[in-house]
Amino acid sequence: MSGVKTFSNETSERYALALFELAKENSELDNIEKQVSLLLKTCEKNDIFANFLKDPTNQPKVQKQVFTEISKIMSFNKILINFLNLIIEKRRIYFLDRILDKFINLSSKKRGKIVAELISSKNLTDAEREKINLEISKSIKSKIDFTYKTDKSLISGIKLQLGSLLIDTSLKNKLKKLKHIMVNN
């Protein structure tokens, strides 16, 4: 989310760009984007799968077996299957969620969409999310695709990450700023 260049950010961007170029070159961008979205949702919603990806003790052979089965179940494109095998061989599967996220962002940018992340302290209704989307889309004069999360630690308010712009109206952030002022005075 931040503009800080770390090894994981640069690596994820390189792999995402490689997958994007390969998908585009083979006229499979729409298909692979749908499959990547599905895989990314699986990473985000399934803690067991996420832990499997982050476990450095898993052998590449086991990881390939798991992804072979997942690829069959989800009917992945051959390009995506080969890509997943490559990142397993290169021991970059740990970054899979970041790579997939960066691929989706890259694909959306090429289509003229802006990807944003909305984090709220409470569950928002579809109507509330749509209202926020419309207001921000009007103000920046561009269509926005939101990813939405709930974070109870914000106490109240929302955080909106729009590219490098972060709007944080959460009580947690306000308390942190107040603490900083009190400590430094």
C-alpha atoms as a PDB file:
ATOM      1  CA  MET A   1       0.000   0.000   0.000  1.00  0.00           C
ATOM      2  CA  SER A   2       2.811   2.392   0.674  1.00  0.00           C
ATOM      3  CA  GLY A   3       5.306   3.601  -1.880  1.00  0.00           C
ATOM      4  CA  VAL A   4       8.230   2.150   0.048  1.00  0.00           C
ATOM      5  CA  LYS A   5      10.325  -0.141  -2.159  1.00  0.00           C
ATOM      6  CA  THR A   6      11.103  -3.294  -0.247  1.00  0.00           C
ATOM      7  CA  PHE A   7      12.369  -6.611  -1.554  1.00  0.00           C
ATOM      8  CA  SER A   8       8.890  -8.105  -1.259  1.00  0.00           C
ATOM      9  CA  ASN A   9       7.251  -5.142  -3.038  1.00  0.00           C
ATOM     10  CA  GLU A  10       9.756  -5.132  -5.893  1.00  0.00           C
ATOM     11  CA  THR A  11       9.637  -8.905  -6.248  1.00  0.00           C
ATOM     12  CA  SER A  12       5.839  -8.923  -6.223  1.00  0.00           C
ATOM     13  CA  GLU A  13       5.678  -6.135  -8.802  1.00  0.00           C
ATOM     14  CA  ARG A  14       8.127  -7.916 -11.121  1.00  0.00           C
ATOM     15  CA  TYR A  15       6.240 -11.207 -10.982  1.00  0.00           C
ATOM     16  CA  ALA A  16       2.861  -9.473 -11.358  1.00  0.00           C
ATOM     17  CA  LEU A  17       4.130  -7.575 -14.395  1.00  0.00           C
ATOM     18  CA  ALA A  18       5.509 -10.794 -15.914  1.00  0.00           C
ATOM     19  CA  LEU A  19       2.149 -12.538 -15.495  1.00  0.00           C
ATOM     20  CA  PHE A  20       0.328  -9.487 -16.877  1.00  0.00           C
ATOM     21  CA  GLU A  21       2.545  -9.311 -19.973  1.00  0.00           C
ATOM     22  CA  LEU A  22       2.244 -13.049 -20.560  1.00  0.00           C
ATOM     23  CA  ALA A  23      -1.550 -12.954 -20.222  1.00  0.00           C
ATOM     24  CA  LYS A  24      -1.807  -9.941 -22.518  1.00  0.00           C
ATOM     25  CA  GLU A  25       0.545 -11.451 -25.105  1.00  0.00           C
ATOM     26  CA  ASN A  26      -1.583 -14.610 -25.240  1.00  0.00           C
ATOM     27  CA  SER A  27      -4.914 -12.697 -25.269  1.00  0.00           C
ATOM     28  CA  GLU A  28      -5.897 -14.324 -21.961  1.00  0.00           C
ATOM     29  CA  LEU A  29      -5.951 -11.229 -19.747  1.00  0.00           C
ATOM     30  CA  ASP A  30      -9.670 -11.311 -18.888  1.00  0.00           C
ATOM     31  CA  ASN A  31      -9.652 -15.038 -18.179  1.00  0.00           C
ATOM     32  CA  ILE A  32      -6.508 -14.944 -16.044  1.00  0.00           C
ATOM     33  CA  GLU A  33      -7.720 -11.851 -14.192  1.00  0.00           C
ATOM     34  CA  LYS A  34     -10.882 -13.731 -13.149  1.00  0.00           C
ATOM     35  CA  GLN A  35      -8.850 -16.744 -12.030  1.00  0.00           C
ATOM     36  CA  VAL A  36      -6.365 -14.568 -10.154  1.00  0.00           C
ATOM     37  CA  SER A  37      -9.253 -12.788  -8.384  1.00  0.00           C
ATOM     38  CA  LEU A  38     -10.666 -16.148  -7.331  1.00  0.00           C
ATOM     39  CA  LEU A  39      -7.285 -17.335  -6.047  1.00  0.00           C
ATOM     40  CA  LEU A  40      -6.716 -14.049  -4.209  1.00  0.00           C
ATOM     41  CA  LYS A  41     -10.101 -14.362  -2.477  1.00  0.00           C
ATOM     42  CA  THR A  42      -9.139 -17.892  -1.451  1.00  0.00           C
ATOM     43  CA  CYS A  43      -5.884 -16.565   0.040  1.00  0.00           C
ATOM     44  CA  GLU A  44      -7.761 -13.864   1.953  1.00  0.00           C
ATOM     45  CA  LYS A  45     -10.651 -15.965   3.261  1.00  0.00           C
ATOM     46  CA  ASN A  46      -9.001 -19.309   4.015  1.00  0.00           C
ATOM     47  CA  ASP A  47      -6.619 -19.110   6.975  1.00  0.00           C
ATOM     48  CA  ILE A  48      -5.394 -22.683   6.504  1.00  0.00           C
ATOM     49  CA  PHE A  49      -4.432 -21.951   2.897  1.00  0.00           C
ATOM     50  CA  ALA A  50      -2.812 -18.630   3.855  1.00  0.00           C
ATOM     51  CA  ASN A  51      -0.775 -20.380   6.565  1.00  0.00           C
ATOM     52  CA  PHE A  52       0.252 -23.050   4.058  1.00  0.00           C
ATOM     53  CA  LEU A  53       1.599 -20.344   1.727  1.00  0.00           C
ATOM     54  CA  LYS A  54       3.533 -18.593   4.497  1.00  0.00           C
ATOM     55  CA  ASP A  55       5.066 -21.759   5.975  1.00  0.00           C
ATOM     56  CA  PRO A  56       8.717 -21.885   4.868  1.00  0.00           C
ATOM     57  CA  THR A  57       9.039 -25.545   5.879  1.00  0.00           C
ATOM     58  CA  ASN A  58       6.748 -26.731   3.059  1.00  0.00           C
ATOM     59  CA  GLN A  59       8.749 -28.418   0.327  1.00  0.00           C
ATOM     60  CA  PRO A  60       8.285 -27.258  -3.299  1.00  0.00           C
ATOM     61  CA  LYS A  61       7.131 -30.778  -4.236  1.00  0.00           C
ATOM     62  CA  VAL A  62       4.266 -30.566  -1.716  1.00  0.00           C
ATOM     63  CA  GLN A  63       3.408 -27.022  -2.810  1.00  0.00           C
ATOM     64  CA  LYS A  64       3.253 -28.121  -6.460  1.00  0.00           C
ATOM     65  CA  GLN A  65       0.970 -31.032  -5.546  1.00  0.00           C
ATOM     66  CA  VAL A  66      -1.381 -28.699  -3.671  1.00  0.00           C
ATOM     67  CA  PHE A  67      -1.457 -26.201  -6.533  1.00  0.00           C
ATOM     68  CA  THR A  68      -1.970 -28.960  -9.098  1.00  0.00           C
ATOM     69  CA  GLU A  69      -5.116 -29.990  -7.239  1.00  0.00           C
ATOM     70  CA  ILE A  70      -6.270 -26.391  -6.799  1.00  0.00           C
ATOM     71  CA  SER A  71      -5.670 -25.758 -10.511  1.00  0.00           C
ATOM     72  CA  LYS A  72      -7.823 -28.753 -11.437  1.00  0.00           C
ATOM     73  CA  ILE A  73     -10.640 -27.753  -9.077  1.00  0.00           C
ATOM     74  CA  MET A  74     -10.630 -24.100 -10.192  1.00  0.00           C
ATOM     75  CA  SER A  75      -9.966 -24.921 -13.875  1.00  0.00           C
ATOM     76  CA  PHE A  76      -6.956 -22.636 -14.127  1.00  0.00           C
ATOM     77  CA  ASN A  77      -5.519 -21.574 -17.436  1.00  0.00           C
ATOM     78  CA  LYS A  78      -2.234 -23.237 -18.497  1.00  0.00           C
ATOM     79  CA  ILE A  79      -0.440 -19.866 -18.286  1.00  0.00           C
ATOM     80  CA  LEU A  80      -1.498 -19.416 -14.661  1.00  0.00           C
ATOM     81  CA  ILE A  81      -0.572 -23.005 -13.801  1.00  0.00           C
ATOM     82  CA  ASN A  82       2.908 -22.546 -15.273  1.00  0.00           C
ATOM     83  CA  PHE A  83       3.258 -19.217 -13.472  1.00  0.00           C
ATOM     84  CA  LEU A  84       2.343 -20.767 -10.119  1.00  0.00           C
ATOM     85  CA  ASN A  85       4.856 -23.563 -10.696  1.00  0.00           C
ATOM     86  CA  LEU A  86       7.515 -20.979 -11.504  1.00  0.00           C
ATOM     87  CA  ILE A  87       6.999 -19.011  -8.305  1.00  0.00           C
ATOM     88  CA  ILE A  88       7.077 -22.265  -6.347  1.00  0.00           C
ATOM     89  CA  GLU A  89      10.389 -23.217  -7.987  1.00  0.00           C
ATOM     90  CA  LYS A  90      11.810 -19.745  -7.314  1.00  0.00           C
ATOM     91  CA  ARG A  91      10.632 -19.992  -3.676  1.00  0.00           C
ATOM     92  CA  ARG A  92       8.408 -16.906  -4.055  1.00  0.00           C
ATOM     93  CA  ILE A  93       5.108 -18.580  -3.156  1.00  0.00           C
ATOM     94  CA  TYR A  94       5.367 -16.743   0.161  1.00  0.00           C
ATOM     95  CA  PHE A  95       4.557 -13.553  -1.792  1.00  0.00           C
ATOM     96  CA  LEU A  96       1.603 -15.043  -3.689  1.00  0.00           C
ATOM     97  CA  ASP A  97      -1.069 -12.800  -2.164  1.00  0.00           C
ATOM     98  CA  ARG A  98       1.008  -9.674  -2.886  1.00  0.00           C
ATOM     99  CA  ILE A  99       1.775 -10.807  -6.444  1.00  0.00           C
ATOM    100  CA  LEU A 100      -1.896 -11.501  -7.156  1.00  0.00           C
ATOM    101  CA  ASP A 101      -2.949  -8.193  -5.614  1.00  0.00           C
ATOM    102  CA  LYS A 102      -0.410  -6.270  -7.697  1.00  0.00           C
ATOM    103  CA  PHE A 103      -1.538  -8.145 -10.826  1.00  0.00           C
ATOM    104  CA  ILE A 104      -5.160  -7.093 -10.211  1.00  0.00           C
ATOM    105  CA  ASN A 105      -4.071  -3.478  -9.597  1.00  0.00           C
ATOM    106  CA  LEU A 106      -1.969  -3.450 -12.758  1.00  0.00           C
ATOM    107  CA  SER A 107      -4.780  -4.940 -14.808  1.00  0.00           C
ATOM    108  CA  SER A 108      -7.286  -2.429 -13.413  1.00  0.00           C
ATOM    109  CA  LYS A 109      -4.979   0.522 -14.146  1.00  0.00           C
ATOM    110  CA  LYS A 110      -4.609  -0.602 -17.748  1.00  0.00           C
ATOM    111  CA  ARG A 111      -8.409  -0.600 -18.024  1.00  0.00           C
ATOM    112  CA  GLY A 112      -8.651   2.923 -16.581  1.00  0.00           C
ATOM    113  CA  LYS A 113     -10.036   1.848 -13.221  1.00  0.00           C
ATOM    114  CA  ILE A 114      -8.604   3.027  -9.945  1.00  0.00           C
ATOM    115  CA  VAL A 115      -8.281   0.439  -7.218  1.00  0.00           C
ATOM    116  CA  ALA A 116      -8.811   1.558  -3.648  1.00  0.00           C
ATOM    117  CA  GLU A 117      -9.003  -0.160  -0.296  1.00  0.00           C
ATOM    118  CA  LEU A 118     -11.704   0.807   2.167  1.00  0.00           C
ATOM    119  CA  ILE A 119     -11.297  -0.311   5.769  1.00  0.00           C
ATOM    120  CA  SER A 120     -14.016   0.485   8.288  1.00  0.00           C
ATOM    121  CA  SER A 121     -14.394  -0.080  11.993  1.00  0.00           C
ATOM    122  CA  LYS A 122     -17.808  -1.699  11.522  1.00  0.00           C
ATOM    123  CA  ASN A 123     -19.531  -3.671   8.803  1.00  0.00           C
ATOM    124  CA  LEU A 124     -20.931  -1.286   6.217  1.00  0.00           C
ATOM    125  CA  THR A 125     -24.054  -2.085   4.259  1.00  0.00           C
ATOM    126  CA  ASP A 126     -23.896  -2.347   0.482  1.00  0.00           C
ATOM    127  CA  ALA A 127     -25.734   0.987   0.279  1.00  0.00           C
ATOM    128  CA  GLU A 128     -23.181   2.701   2.520  1.00  0.00           C
ATOM    129  CA  ARG A 129     -20.275   1.311   0.499  1.00  0.00           C
ATOM    130  CA  GLU A 130     -21.946   2.344  -2.756  1.00  0.00           C
ATOM    131  CA  LYS A 131     -22.530   5.879  -1.429  1.00  0.00           C
ATOM    132  CA  ILE A 132     -18.852   6.212  -0.451  1.00  0.00           C
ATOM    133  CA  ASN A 133     -17.836   4.852  -3.866  1.00  0.00           C
ATOM    134  CA  LEU A 134     -20.080   7.317  -5.742  1.00  0.00           C
ATOM    135  CA  GLU A 135     -18.919  10.332  -3.732  1.00  0.00           C
ATOM    136  CA  ILE A 136     -15.248   9.566  -4.221  1.00  0.00           C
ATOM    137  CA  SER A 137     -15.711   8.630  -7.896  1.00  0.00           C
ATOM    138  CA  LYS A 138     -17.395  11.999  -8.495  1.00  0.00           C
ATOM    139  CA  SER A 139     -14.674  13.956  -6.713  1.00  0.00           C
ATOM    140  CA  ILE A 140     -11.791  12.338  -8.624  1.00  0.00           C
ATOM    141  CA  LYS A 141     -13.785  11.934 -11.864  1.00  0.00           C
ATOM    142  CA  SER A 142     -12.874   8.284 -12.350  1.00  0.00           C
ATOM    143  CA  LYS A 143     -14.403   4.866 -11.654  1.00  0.00           C
ATOM    144  CA  ILE A 144     -13.115   3.198  -8.502  1.00  0.00           C
ATOM    145  CA  ASP A 145     -13.020  -0.479  -7.617  1.00  0.00           C
ATOM    146  CA  PHE A 146     -13.000  -0.960  -3.851  1.00  0.00           C
ATOM    147  CA  THR A 147     -11.672  -3.817  -1.857  1.00  0.00           C
ATOM    148  CA  TYR A 148     -13.442  -3.744   1.460  1.00  0.00           C
ATOM    149  CA  LYS A 149     -12.306  -4.906   4.887  1.00  0.00           C
ATOM    150  CA  THR A 150     -13.446  -4.486   8.456  1.00  0.00           C
ATOM    151  CA  ASP A 151     -10.942  -3.700  11.215  1.00  0.00           C
ATOM    152  CA  LYS A 152     -12.463  -3.415  14.694  1.00  0.00           C
ATOM    153  CA  SER A 153      -9.170  -1.997  16.063  1.00  0.00           C
ATOM    154  CA  LEU A 154      -9.968   1.319  14.311  1.00  0.00           C
ATOM    155  CA  ILE A 155     -12.573   1.871  17.076  1.00  0.00           C
ATOM    156  CA  SER A 156     -14.633   4.117  14.776  1.00  0.00           C
ATOM    157  CA  GLY A 157     -14.276   5.773  11.371  1.00  0.00           C
ATOM    158  CA  ILE A 158     -12.715   4.582   8.125  1.00  0.00           C
ATOM    159  CA  LYS A 159      -9.408   4.369   6.309  1.00  0.00           C
ATOM    160  CA  LEU A 160      -9.271   4.803   2.550  1.00  0.00           C
ATOM    161  CA  GLN A 161      -6.136   3.929   0.565  1.00  0.00           C
ATOM    162  CA  LEU A 162      -6.345   5.372  -2.931  1.00  0.00           C
ATOM    163  CA  GLY A 163      -3.007   4.826  -4.653  1.00  0.00           C
ATOM    164  CA  SER A 164      -0.457   6.687  -2.550  1.00  0.00           C
ATOM    165  CA  LEU A 165      -3.174   8.783  -0.857  1.00  0.00           C
ATOM    166  CA  LEU A 166      -4.300   7.599   2.567  1.00  0.00           C
ATOM    167  CA  ILE A 167      -7.343   9.135   4.209  1.00  0.00           C
ATOM    168  CA  ASP A 168      -7.610   7.994   7.812  1.00  0.00           C
ATOM    169  CA  THR A 169     -10.578   9.255   9.831  1.00  0.00           C
ATOM    170  CA  SER A 170     -10.357   6.481  12.407  1.00  0.00           C
ATOM    171  CA  LEU A 171     -10.428   7.167  16.130  1.00  0.00           C
ATOM    172  CA  LYS A 172      -7.369   4.950  16.485  1.00  0.00           C
ATOM    173  CA  ASN A 173      -5.384   7.316  14.241  1.00  0.00           C
ATOM    174  CA  LYS A 174      -6.644  10.392  16.061  1.00  0.00           C
ATOM    175  CA  LEU A 175      -5.614   8.876  19.417  1.00  0.00           C
ATOM    176  CA  LYS A 176      -2.191   7.999  18.015  1.00  0.00           C
ATOM    177  CA  LYS A 177      -1.694  11.606  16.842  1.00  0.00           C
ATOM    178  CA  LEU A 178      -2.817  12.932  20.222  1.00  0.00           C
ATOM    179  CA  LYS A 179      -0.399  10.610  22.016  1.00  0.00           C
ATOM    180  CA  HIS A 180       2.423  11.769  19.756  1.00  0.00           C
ATOM    181  CA  ILE A 181       1.664  15.420  20.535  1.00  0.00           C
ATOM    182  CA  MET A 182       1.517  14.751  24.271  1.00  0.00           C
ATOM    183  CA  VAL A 183       4.773  12.773  24.313  1.00  0.00           C
ATOM    184  CA  ASN A 184       6.688  15.332  22.244  1.00  0.00           C
ATOM    185  CA  ASN A 185       5.581  18.419  24.195  1.00  0.00           C
END
